[in-house]
Amino acid sequence: MTKKDKKDKKILKMWTDFKAFINRGNAFMLAVGVVIGGAFNSIETSFVNMLLSIATWPVPGGLKGFITVLPALTPAQRGASFNIDGQTVNLQAFSMAEVNERVIQFAKQQGVTLTVTDTEFIGWKESLLKLYDQHGTTYTSKGSAIIDWGGLLTAIISFIIVAFVLFMIVKVISAAAEKKAALESKALV
């Protein structure tokens, strides 16, 4: 038998084993489980987000704003710099009210008087906000290191819900298997 024949025989055996595995039903049931699990995940995530948004309703920015901004170590993490009244102001993390105030102060230093409704003000503000990520009502420099406590809490609660649902499913299946075994043992007697 040549090397090519041996290789062809191995490939044929692997293909035969794969077809037997697929035809057993286990792979099909696993695929169905994965698809249903993915669909359940989106429902569960939506449910957790709804519960947490209700629970954090009075908190400005909700759970998405529940972050800790770590101190800036590099210029990129410090965010945009403004020279206002002779002082350099870095905007690493701020609220919308603060950005409105900073843009108006910066414009005033440039000799431009702006109000929040001016189109020029809106353009300045939009160009500034492109440098930042929004977390609830807080904006952080794109280079900032943050600890997303809200995301962690959401993940923990999601895990607990999924674990509880799976526990209940396993409990029901185990009870059904026990009843089936008891009925089969009575039928044999």
C-alpha atoms as a PDB file:
ATOM      1  CA  MET A   1       0.000   0.000   0.000  1.00  0.00           C
ATOM      2  CA  THR A   2       1.439   3.357  -1.016  1.00  0.00           C
ATOM      3  CA  LYS A   3       1.580   6.498   1.099  1.00  0.00           C
ATOM      4  CA  LYS A   4      -1.135   8.053  -1.040  1.00  0.00           C
ATOM      5  CA  ASP A   5      -3.410   5.043  -0.478  1.00  0.00           C
ATOM      6  CA  LYS A   6      -2.820   5.245   3.294  1.00  0.00           C
ATOM      7  CA  LYS A   7      -3.584   8.958   3.292  1.00  0.00           C
ATOM      8  CA  ASP A   8      -6.753   8.427   1.237  1.00  0.00           C
ATOM      9  CA  LYS A   9      -7.836   5.643   3.605  1.00  0.00           C
ATOM     10  CA  LYS A  10      -7.315   7.928   6.656  1.00  0.00           C
ATOM     11  CA  ILE A  11      -9.319  10.727   5.041  1.00  0.00           C
ATOM     12  CA  LEU A  12     -12.113   8.278   4.118  1.00  0.00           C
ATOM     13  CA  LYS A  13     -12.203   6.908   7.683  1.00  0.00           C
ATOM     14  CA  MET A  14     -12.291  10.418   9.153  1.00  0.00           C
ATOM     15  CA  TRP A  15     -15.133  11.358   6.779  1.00  0.00           C
ATOM     16  CA  THR A  16     -17.041   8.178   7.711  1.00  0.00           C
ATOM     17  CA  ASP A  17     -16.584   8.877  11.430  1.00  0.00           C
ATOM     18  CA  PHE A  18     -17.729  12.473  10.952  1.00  0.00           C
ATOM     19  CA  LYS A  19     -20.867  11.360   9.066  1.00  0.00           C
ATOM     20  CA  ALA A  20     -21.637   8.842  11.832  1.00  0.00           C
ATOM     21  CA  PHE A  21     -21.220  11.578  14.455  1.00  0.00           C
ATOM     22  CA  ILE A  22     -23.541  13.954  12.582  1.00  0.00           C
ATOM     23  CA  ASN A  23     -26.143  11.257  11.955  1.00  0.00           C
ATOM     24  CA  ARG A  24     -26.300  10.215  15.610  1.00  0.00           C
ATOM     25  CA  GLY A  25     -28.338  13.312  16.350  1.00  0.00           C
ATOM     26  CA  ASN A  26     -26.022  14.618  19.048  1.00  0.00           C
ATOM     27  CA  ALA A  27     -24.463  17.258  16.808  1.00  0.00           C
ATOM     28  CA  PHE A  28     -27.871  18.298  15.493  1.00  0.00           C
ATOM     29  CA  MET A  29     -29.271  18.594  19.008  1.00  0.00           C
ATOM     30  CA  LEU A  30     -26.189  20.531  20.070  1.00  0.00           C
ATOM     31  CA  ALA A  31     -26.642  22.939  17.150  1.00  0.00           C
ATOM     32  CA  VAL A  32     -30.312  23.417  18.045  1.00  0.00           C
ATOM     33  CA  GLY A  33     -29.286  24.057  21.653  1.00  0.00           C
ATOM     34  CA  VAL A  34     -26.730  26.676  20.595  1.00  0.00           C
ATOM     35  CA  VAL A  35     -29.280  28.503  18.414  1.00  0.00           C
ATOM     36  CA  ILE A  36     -31.922  28.438  21.153  1.00  0.00           C
ATOM     37  CA  GLY A  37     -29.292  29.521  23.695  1.00  0.00           C
ATOM     38  CA  GLY A  38     -28.365  32.493  21.511  1.00  0.00           C
ATOM     39  CA  ALA A  39     -32.010  33.502  21.212  1.00  0.00           C
ATOM     40  CA  PHE A  40     -32.499  33.075  24.955  1.00  0.00           C
ATOM     41  CA  ASN A  41     -29.384  35.178  25.583  1.00  0.00           C
ATOM     42  CA  SER A  42     -30.855  38.168  23.735  1.00  0.00           C
ATOM     43  CA  ILE A  43     -34.123  37.851  25.696  1.00  0.00           C
ATOM     44  CA  GLU A  44     -32.253  37.496  28.978  1.00  0.00           C
ATOM     45  CA  THR A  45     -29.951  40.452  28.227  1.00  0.00           C
ATOM     46  CA  SER A  46     -32.943  42.622  27.368  1.00  0.00           C
ATOM     47  CA  PHE A  47     -34.706  41.534  30.573  1.00  0.00           C
ATOM     48  CA  VAL A  48     -31.650  42.284  32.742  1.00  0.00           C
ATOM     49  CA  ASN A  49     -31.156  45.694  31.103  1.00  0.00           C
ATOM     50  CA  MET A  50     -34.837  46.515  31.693  1.00  0.00           C
ATOM     51  CA  LEU A  51     -34.645  45.504  35.368  1.00  0.00           C
ATOM     52  CA  LEU A  52     -31.427  47.415  35.941  1.00  0.00           C
ATOM     53  CA  SER A  53     -32.694  50.531  34.183  1.00  0.00           C
ATOM     54  CA  ILE A  54     -35.748  50.511  36.455  1.00  0.00           C
ATOM     55  CA  ALA A  55     -33.586  49.895  39.534  1.00  0.00           C
ATOM     56  CA  THR A  56     -31.190  52.717  38.630  1.00  0.00           C
ATOM     57  CA  TRP A  57     -33.815  55.152  37.380  1.00  0.00           C
ATOM     58  CA  PRO A  58     -32.960  57.919  39.892  1.00  0.00           C
ATOM     59  CA  VAL A  59     -29.204  57.638  39.222  1.00  0.00           C
ATOM     60  CA  PRO A  60     -27.998  60.159  36.596  1.00  0.00           C
ATOM     61  CA  GLY A  61     -26.794  58.168  33.607  1.00  0.00           C
ATOM     62  CA  GLY A  62     -28.146  54.940  35.060  1.00  0.00           C
ATOM     63  CA  LEU A  63     -25.972  51.879  35.253  1.00  0.00           C
ATOM     64  CA  LYS A  64     -24.071  52.853  32.081  1.00  0.00           C
ATOM     65  CA  GLY A  65     -22.737  55.883  33.950  1.00  0.00           C
ATOM     66  CA  PHE A  66     -21.550  53.775  36.902  1.00  0.00           C
ATOM     67  CA  ILE A  67     -17.839  53.936  36.035  1.00  0.00           C
ATOM     68  CA  THR A  68     -14.563  54.847  37.669  1.00  0.00           C
ATOM     69  CA  VAL A  69     -12.139  56.870  35.555  1.00  0.00           C
ATOM     70  CA  LEU A  70      -8.574  56.002  36.450  1.00  0.00           C
ATOM     71  CA  PRO A  71      -6.037  58.842  36.731  1.00  0.00           C
ATOM     72  CA  ALA A  72      -4.497  59.968  33.452  1.00  0.00           C
ATOM     73  CA  LEU A  73      -0.924  58.816  32.943  1.00  0.00           C
ATOM     74  CA  THR A  74      -0.406  59.899  29.327  1.00  0.00           C
ATOM     75  CA  PRO A  75      -1.379  63.018  27.369  1.00  0.00           C
ATOM     76  CA  ALA A  76      -3.902  60.959  25.356  1.00  0.00           C
ATOM     77  CA  GLN A  77      -5.664  59.960  28.568  1.00  0.00           C
ATOM     78  CA  ARG A  78      -5.882  63.580  29.773  1.00  0.00           C
ATOM     79  CA  GLY A  79      -8.252  64.460  26.934  1.00  0.00           C
ATOM     80  CA  ALA A  80      -8.674  67.788  25.177  1.00  0.00           C
ATOM     81  CA  SER A  81      -6.853  70.789  26.636  1.00  0.00           C
ATOM     82  CA  PHE A  82      -8.355  74.264  26.886  1.00  0.00           C
ATOM     83  CA  ASN A  83      -6.456  77.397  27.809  1.00  0.00           C
ATOM     84  CA  ILE A  84      -9.045  79.285  29.852  1.00  0.00           C
ATOM     85  CA  ASP A  85      -8.093  82.459  31.737  1.00  0.00           C
ATOM     86  CA  GLY A  86      -4.402  81.547  31.523  1.00  0.00           C
ATOM     87  CA  GLN A  87      -4.920  78.057  32.924  1.00  0.00           C
ATOM     88  CA  THR A  88      -4.741  74.804  31.004  1.00  0.00           C
ATOM     89  CA  VAL A  89      -7.849  72.754  31.620  1.00  0.00           C
ATOM     90  CA  ASN A  90      -7.831  69.079  30.618  1.00  0.00           C
ATOM     91  CA  LEU A  91     -11.138  67.367  30.040  1.00  0.00           C
ATOM     92  CA  GLN A  92     -10.537  63.720  30.906  1.00  0.00           C
ATOM     93  CA  ALA A  93     -14.034  63.097  32.237  1.00  0.00           C
ATOM     94  CA  PHE A  94     -16.938  65.534  32.352  1.00  0.00           C
ATOM     95  CA  SER A  95     -20.694  65.903  32.181  1.00  0.00           C
ATOM     96  CA  MET A  96     -22.650  67.563  29.373  1.00  0.00           C
ATOM     97  CA  ALA A  97     -23.153  70.703  31.481  1.00  0.00           C
ATOM     98  CA  GLU A  98     -19.377  70.949  31.971  1.00  0.00           C
ATOM     99  CA  VAL A  99     -18.641  70.612  28.266  1.00  0.00           C
ATOM    100  CA  ASN A 100     -21.178  73.326  27.444  1.00  0.00           C
ATOM    101  CA  GLU A 101     -19.501  75.632  29.969  1.00  0.00           C
ATOM    102  CA  ARG A 102     -15.975  74.831  28.727  1.00  0.00           C
ATOM    103  CA  VAL A 103     -16.848  75.426  25.062  1.00  0.00           C
ATOM    104  CA  ILE A 104     -18.500  78.762  25.893  1.00  0.00           C
ATOM    105  CA  GLN A 105     -15.490  79.824  28.005  1.00  0.00           C
ATOM    106  CA  PHE A 106     -13.036  78.772  25.302  1.00  0.00           C
ATOM    107  CA  ALA A 107     -15.024  80.620  22.607  1.00  0.00           C
ATOM    108  CA  LYS A 108     -15.122  83.752  24.791  1.00  0.00           C
ATOM    109  CA  GLN A 109     -11.302  83.644  25.010  1.00  0.00           C
ATOM    110  CA  GLN A 110     -11.187  83.471  21.209  1.00  0.00           C
ATOM    111  CA  GLY A 111     -13.274  86.643  21.126  1.00  0.00           C
ATOM    112  CA  VAL A 112     -16.468  84.833  20.122  1.00  0.00           C
ATOM    113  CA  THR A 113     -19.643  85.108  22.154  1.00  0.00           C
ATOM    114  CA  LEU A 114     -21.670  81.911  21.858  1.00  0.00           C
ATOM    115  CA  THR A 115     -24.855  80.548  23.325  1.00  0.00           C
ATOM    116  CA  VAL A 116     -25.852  76.919  23.562  1.00  0.00           C
ATOM    117  CA  THR A 117     -28.278  77.302  20.626  1.00  0.00           C
ATOM    118  CA  ASP A 118     -25.767  78.835  18.173  1.00  0.00           C
ATOM    119  CA  THR A 119     -24.866  76.591  15.241  1.00  0.00           C
ATOM    120  CA  GLU A 120     -21.190  77.499  15.669  1.00  0.00           C
ATOM    121  CA  PHE A 121     -21.369  76.370  19.310  1.00  0.00           C
ATOM    122  CA  ILE A 122     -22.984  73.087  18.251  1.00  0.00           C
ATOM    123  CA  GLY A 123     -20.213  72.518  15.689  1.00  0.00           C
ATOM    124  CA  TRP A 124     -17.472  73.175  18.264  1.00  0.00           C
ATOM    125  CA  LYS A 125     -19.164  70.917  20.763  1.00  0.00           C
ATOM    126  CA  GLU A 126     -19.648  68.085  18.243  1.00  0.00           C
ATOM    127  CA  SER A 127     -16.006  68.242  17.170  1.00  0.00           C
ATOM    128  CA  LEU A 128     -14.980  68.069  20.841  1.00  0.00           C
ATOM    129  CA  LEU A 129     -17.300  65.158  21.647  1.00  0.00           C
ATOM    130  CA  LYS A 130     -15.806  63.075  18.806  1.00  0.00           C
ATOM    131  CA  LEU A 131     -12.753  62.721  21.044  1.00  0.00           C
ATOM    132  CA  TYR A 132     -14.791  61.160  23.866  1.00  0.00           C
ATOM    133  CA  ASP A 133     -16.853  58.078  24.721  1.00  0.00           C
ATOM    134  CA  GLN A 134     -20.196  58.477  26.473  1.00  0.00           C
ATOM    135  CA  HIS A 135     -20.984  56.452  29.600  1.00  0.00           C
ATOM    136  CA  GLY A 136     -24.438  57.476  30.787  1.00  0.00           C
ATOM    137  CA  THR A 137     -24.157  61.221  31.357  1.00  0.00           C
ATOM    138  CA  THR A 138     -20.362  61.131  31.695  1.00  0.00           C
ATOM    139  CA  TYR A 139     -17.961  61.629  28.807  1.00  0.00           C
ATOM    140  CA  THR A 140     -14.449  60.198  29.058  1.00  0.00           C
ATOM    141  CA  SER A 141     -11.450  60.681  26.804  1.00  0.00           C
ATOM    142  CA  LYS A 142     -11.166  57.797  24.316  1.00  0.00           C
ATOM    143  CA  GLY A 143      -7.708  57.095  25.729  1.00  0.00           C
ATOM    144  CA  SER A 144      -8.901  56.960  29.353  1.00  0.00           C
ATOM    145  CA  ALA A 145      -8.745  53.790  31.349  1.00  0.00           C
ATOM    146  CA  ILE A 146     -12.069  53.130  33.049  1.00  0.00           C
ATOM    147  CA  ILE A 147     -13.564  50.497  35.311  1.00  0.00           C
ATOM    148  CA  ASP A 148     -17.082  49.773  34.059  1.00  0.00           C
ATOM    149  CA  TRP A 149     -18.856  48.764  37.264  1.00  0.00           C
ATOM    150  CA  GLY A 150     -22.246  48.879  35.532  1.00  0.00           C
ATOM    151  CA  GLY A 151     -21.128  46.404  32.856  1.00  0.00           C
ATOM    152  CA  LEU A 152     -19.701  44.103  35.523  1.00  0.00           C
ATOM    153  CA  LEU A 153     -22.903  44.236  37.570  1.00  0.00           C
ATOM    154  CA  THR A 154     -24.981  43.534  34.458  1.00  0.00           C
ATOM    155  CA  ALA A 155     -22.805  40.521  33.598  1.00  0.00           C
ATOM    156  CA  ILE A 156     -23.060  39.140  37.149  1.00  0.00           C
ATOM    157  CA  ILE A 157     -26.846  39.464  37.234  1.00  0.00           C
ATOM    158  CA  SER A 158     -27.104  37.934  33.742  1.00  0.00           C
ATOM    159  CA  PHE A 159     -24.973  35.005  34.883  1.00  0.00           C
ATOM    160  CA  ILE A 160     -27.148  34.432  37.951  1.00  0.00           C
ATOM    161  CA  ILE A 161     -30.332  34.468  35.848  1.00  0.00           C
ATOM    162  CA  VAL A 162     -28.918  32.054  33.250  1.00  0.00           C
ATOM    163  CA  ALA A 163     -27.532  29.755  35.967  1.00  0.00           C
ATOM    164  CA  PHE A 164     -30.917  29.729  37.755  1.00  0.00           C
ATOM    165  CA  VAL A 165     -32.844  28.962  34.543  1.00  0.00           C
ATOM    166  CA  LEU A 166     -30.432  26.156  33.645  1.00  0.00           C
ATOM    167  CA  PHE A 167     -30.682  24.789  37.193  1.00  0.00           C
ATOM    168  CA  MET A 168     -34.476  24.705  36.881  1.00  0.00           C
ATOM    169  CA  ILE A 169     -34.283  22.973  33.479  1.00  0.00           C
ATOM    170  CA  VAL A 170     -31.883  20.327  34.812  1.00  0.00           C
ATOM    171  CA  LYS A 171     -34.126  19.842  37.873  1.00  0.00           C
ATOM    172  CA  VAL A 172     -37.215  19.278  35.687  1.00  0.00           C
ATOM    173  CA  ILE A 173     -35.347  16.892  33.364  1.00  0.00           C
ATOM    174  CA  SER A 174     -33.940  14.961  36.338  1.00  0.00           C
ATOM    175  CA  ALA A 175     -37.405  14.664  37.909  1.00  0.00           C
ATOM    176  CA  ALA A 176     -38.839  13.446  34.586  1.00  0.00           C
ATOM    177  CA  ALA A 177     -36.022  10.891  34.231  1.00  0.00           C
ATOM    178  CA  GLU A 178     -36.655   9.621  37.774  1.00  0.00           C
ATOM    179  CA  LYS A 179     -40.390   9.259  37.088  1.00  0.00           C
ATOM    180  CA  LYS A 180     -39.650   7.444  33.825  1.00  0.00           C
ATOM    181  CA  ALA A 181     -37.267   5.053  35.605  1.00  0.00           C
ATOM    182  CA  ALA A 182     -39.866   4.416  38.344  1.00  0.00           C
ATOM    183  CA  LEU A 183     -42.580   3.694  35.758  1.00  0.00           C
ATOM    184  CA  GLU A 184     -40.261   1.364  33.812  1.00  0.00           C
ATOM    185  CA  SER A 185     -39.353  -0.542  36.991  1.00  0.00           C
ATOM    186  CA  LYS A 186     -43.079  -0.930  37.875  1.00  0.00           C
ATOM    187  CA  ALA A 187     -43.810  -2.152  34.354  1.00  0.00           C
ATOM    188  CA  LEU A 188     -41.149  -4.884  34.668  1.00  0.00           C
ATOM    189  CA  VAL A 189     -42.661  -6.188  37.927  1.00  0.00           C
END
